[in-house]
């Protein structure tokens, strides 16, 4: 494994998501680069949590549209009516 793989990965993420050029990233002092990566990771985590919360809200708002669950419910209801 490359020893600087995580550094390269972080640079590529900054370039991809925030349109920074490699030349400008290379000019950052290392501490500033680290702080930028920390902030980007925090923003990504917050966005991921928000996305999951929205998915959970949408999932709870919608009914279960699985046909097999309907059949299971119907069969269990019909078992109640048998003498």
C-alpha atoms as a PDB file:
ATOM      1  CA  UNK A   1       0.000   0.000   0.000  1.00  0.00           C
ATOM      2  CA  UNK A   2       1.185   3.506  -0.754  1.00  0.00           C
ATOM      3  CA  UNK A   3       2.254   5.372   2.370  1.00  0.00           C
ATOM      4  CA  UNK A   4       0.674   8.615   1.142  1.00  0.00           C
ATOM      5  CA  UNK A   5      -2.540   7.070  -0.139  1.00  0.00           C
ATOM      6  CA  UNK A   6      -4.753   8.856   2.407  1.00  0.00           C
ATOM      7  CA  UNK A   7      -3.124  12.190   1.565  1.00  0.00           C
ATOM      8  CA  UNK A   8      -3.760  11.657  -2.135  1.00  0.00           C
ATOM      9  CA  UNK A   9      -7.327  10.564  -1.457  1.00  0.00           C
ATOM     10  CA  UNK A  10      -8.004  13.714   0.565  1.00  0.00           C
ATOM     11  CA  UNK A  11      -6.559  15.919  -2.156  1.00  0.00           C
ATOM     12  CA  UNK A  12      -8.730  14.234  -4.767  1.00  0.00           C
ATOM     13  CA  UNK A  13     -11.829  14.690  -2.601  1.00  0.00           C
ATOM     14  CA  UNK A  14     -11.104  18.396  -2.243  1.00  0.00           C
ATOM     15  CA  UNK A  15     -10.630  18.693  -5.984  1.00  0.00           C
ATOM     16  CA  UNK A  16     -13.789  16.772  -6.807  1.00  0.00           C
ATOM     17  CA  UNK A  17     -16.240  18.246  -4.316  1.00  0.00           C
ATOM     18  CA  UNK A  18     -14.927  21.752  -3.826  1.00  0.00           C
ATOM     19  CA  UNK A  19     -13.273  22.418  -7.206  1.00  0.00           C
ATOM     20  CA  UNK A  20      -9.885  23.202  -5.709  1.00  0.00           C
ATOM     21  CA  UNK A  21      -6.856  22.871  -7.922  1.00  0.00           C
ATOM     22  CA  UNK A  22      -3.961  20.694  -6.891  1.00  0.00           C
ATOM     23  CA  UNK A  23      -1.547  23.616  -7.190  1.00  0.00           C
ATOM     24  CA  UNK A  24      -3.475  25.646  -4.632  1.00  0.00           C
ATOM     25  CA  UNK A  25      -3.800  22.661  -2.303  1.00  0.00           C
ATOM     26  CA  UNK A  26      -0.046  22.088  -2.519  1.00  0.00           C
ATOM     27  CA  UNK A  27       0.570  25.678  -1.450  1.00  0.00           C
ATOM     28  CA  UNK A  28      -1.385  25.235   1.790  1.00  0.00           C
ATOM     29  CA  UNK A  29       0.665  24.778   4.918  1.00  0.00           C
ATOM     30  CA  UNK A  30       0.133  21.242   6.158  1.00  0.00           C
ATOM     31  CA  UNK A  31      -1.852  22.352   9.215  1.00  0.00           C
ATOM     32  CA  UNK A  32      -4.277  24.271   6.968  1.00  0.00           C
ATOM     33  CA  UNK A  33      -4.677  21.240   4.735  1.00  0.00           C
ATOM     34  CA  UNK A  34      -5.446  19.105   7.798  1.00  0.00           C
ATOM     35  CA  UNK A  35      -8.042  21.608   9.021  1.00  0.00           C
ATOM     36  CA  UNK A  36      -9.707  21.704   5.620  1.00  0.00           C
ATOM     37  CA  UNK A  37      -9.903  17.914   5.571  1.00  0.00           C
ATOM     38  CA  UNK A  38     -11.417  17.884   9.083  1.00  0.00           C
ATOM     39  CA  UNK A  39     -14.052  20.405   8.029  1.00  0.00           C
ATOM     40  CA  UNK A  40     -14.850  18.520   4.847  1.00  0.00           C
ATOM     41  CA  UNK A  41     -15.217  15.287   6.814  1.00  0.00           C
ATOM     42  CA  UNK A  42     -17.534  16.987   9.331  1.00  0.00           C
ATOM     43  CA  UNK A  43     -19.659  18.437   6.525  1.00  0.00           C
ATOM     44  CA  UNK A  44     -19.829  15.062   4.818  1.00  0.00           C
ATOM     45  CA  UNK A  45     -20.893  13.368   8.071  1.00  0.00           C
ATOM     46  CA  UNK A  46     -23.602  15.990   8.680  1.00  0.00           C
ATOM     47  CA  UNK A  47     -24.903  15.620   5.128  1.00  0.00           C
ATOM     48  CA  UNK A  48     -24.952  11.832   5.498  1.00  0.00           C
ATOM     49  CA  UNK A  49     -26.887  12.039   8.789  1.00  0.00           C
ATOM     50  CA  UNK A  50     -29.351  14.480   7.250  1.00  0.00           C
ATOM     51  CA  UNK A  51     -29.831  12.212   4.216  1.00  0.00           C
ATOM     52  CA  UNK A  52     -30.432   9.174   6.446  1.00  0.00           C
ATOM     53  CA  UNK A  53     -32.947  11.118   8.563  1.00  0.00           C
ATOM     54  CA  UNK A  54     -34.812  12.174   5.429  1.00  0.00           C
ATOM     55  CA  UNK A  55     -34.836   8.589   4.147  1.00  0.00           C
ATOM     56  CA  UNK A  56     -36.157   7.358   7.502  1.00  0.00           C
ATOM     57  CA  UNK A  57     -38.907   9.991   7.483  1.00  0.00           C
ATOM     58  CA  UNK A  58     -39.916   9.059   3.951  1.00  0.00           C
ATOM     59  CA  UNK A  59     -39.813   5.349   4.788  1.00  0.00           C
ATOM     60  CA  UNK A  60     -42.077   5.819   7.804  1.00  0.00           C
ATOM     61  CA  UNK A  61     -44.496   7.971   5.836  1.00  0.00           C
ATOM     62  CA  UNK A  62     -44.985   5.324   3.166  1.00  0.00           C
ATOM     63  CA  UNK A  63     -46.775   2.061   3.720  1.00  0.00           C
ATOM     64  CA  UNK A  64     -45.338  -1.362   3.147  1.00  0.00           C
ATOM     65  CA  UNK A  65     -45.831  -2.134  -0.543  1.00  0.00           C
ATOM     66  CA  UNK A  66     -44.320  -5.594  -0.418  1.00  0.00           C
ATOM     67  CA  UNK A  67     -46.862  -8.015  -1.977  1.00  0.00           C
ATOM     68  CA  UNK A  68     -45.623 -10.966   0.048  1.00  0.00           C
ATOM     69  CA  UNK A  69     -46.340  -9.068   3.277  1.00  0.00           C
ATOM     70  CA  UNK A  70     -49.926  -8.521   2.080  1.00  0.00           C
ATOM     71  CA  UNK A  71     -50.319 -12.234   1.443  1.00  0.00           C
ATOM     72  CA  UNK A  72     -48.877 -13.077   4.850  1.00  0.00           C
ATOM     73  CA  UNK A  73     -51.275 -10.635   6.510  1.00  0.00           C
ATOM     74  CA  UNK A  74     -54.255 -12.027   4.615  1.00  0.00           C
ATOM     75  CA  UNK A  75     -53.367 -15.628   5.482  1.00  0.00           C
ATOM     76  CA  UNK A  76     -52.946 -14.748   9.149  1.00  0.00           C
ATOM     77  CA  UNK A  77     -56.301 -12.946   9.128  1.00  0.00           C
ATOM     78  CA  UNK A  78     -58.019 -15.894   7.451  1.00  0.00           C
ATOM     79  CA  UNK A  79     -56.624 -18.232  10.115  1.00  0.00           C
ATOM     80  CA  UNK A  80     -58.484 -16.208  12.728  1.00  0.00           C
ATOM     81  CA  UNK A  81     -61.844 -16.837  11.044  1.00  0.00           C
ATOM     82  CA  UNK A  82     -61.556 -20.618  10.737  1.00  0.00           C
ATOM     83  CA  UNK A  83     -63.739 -22.518  13.217  1.00  0.00           C
END
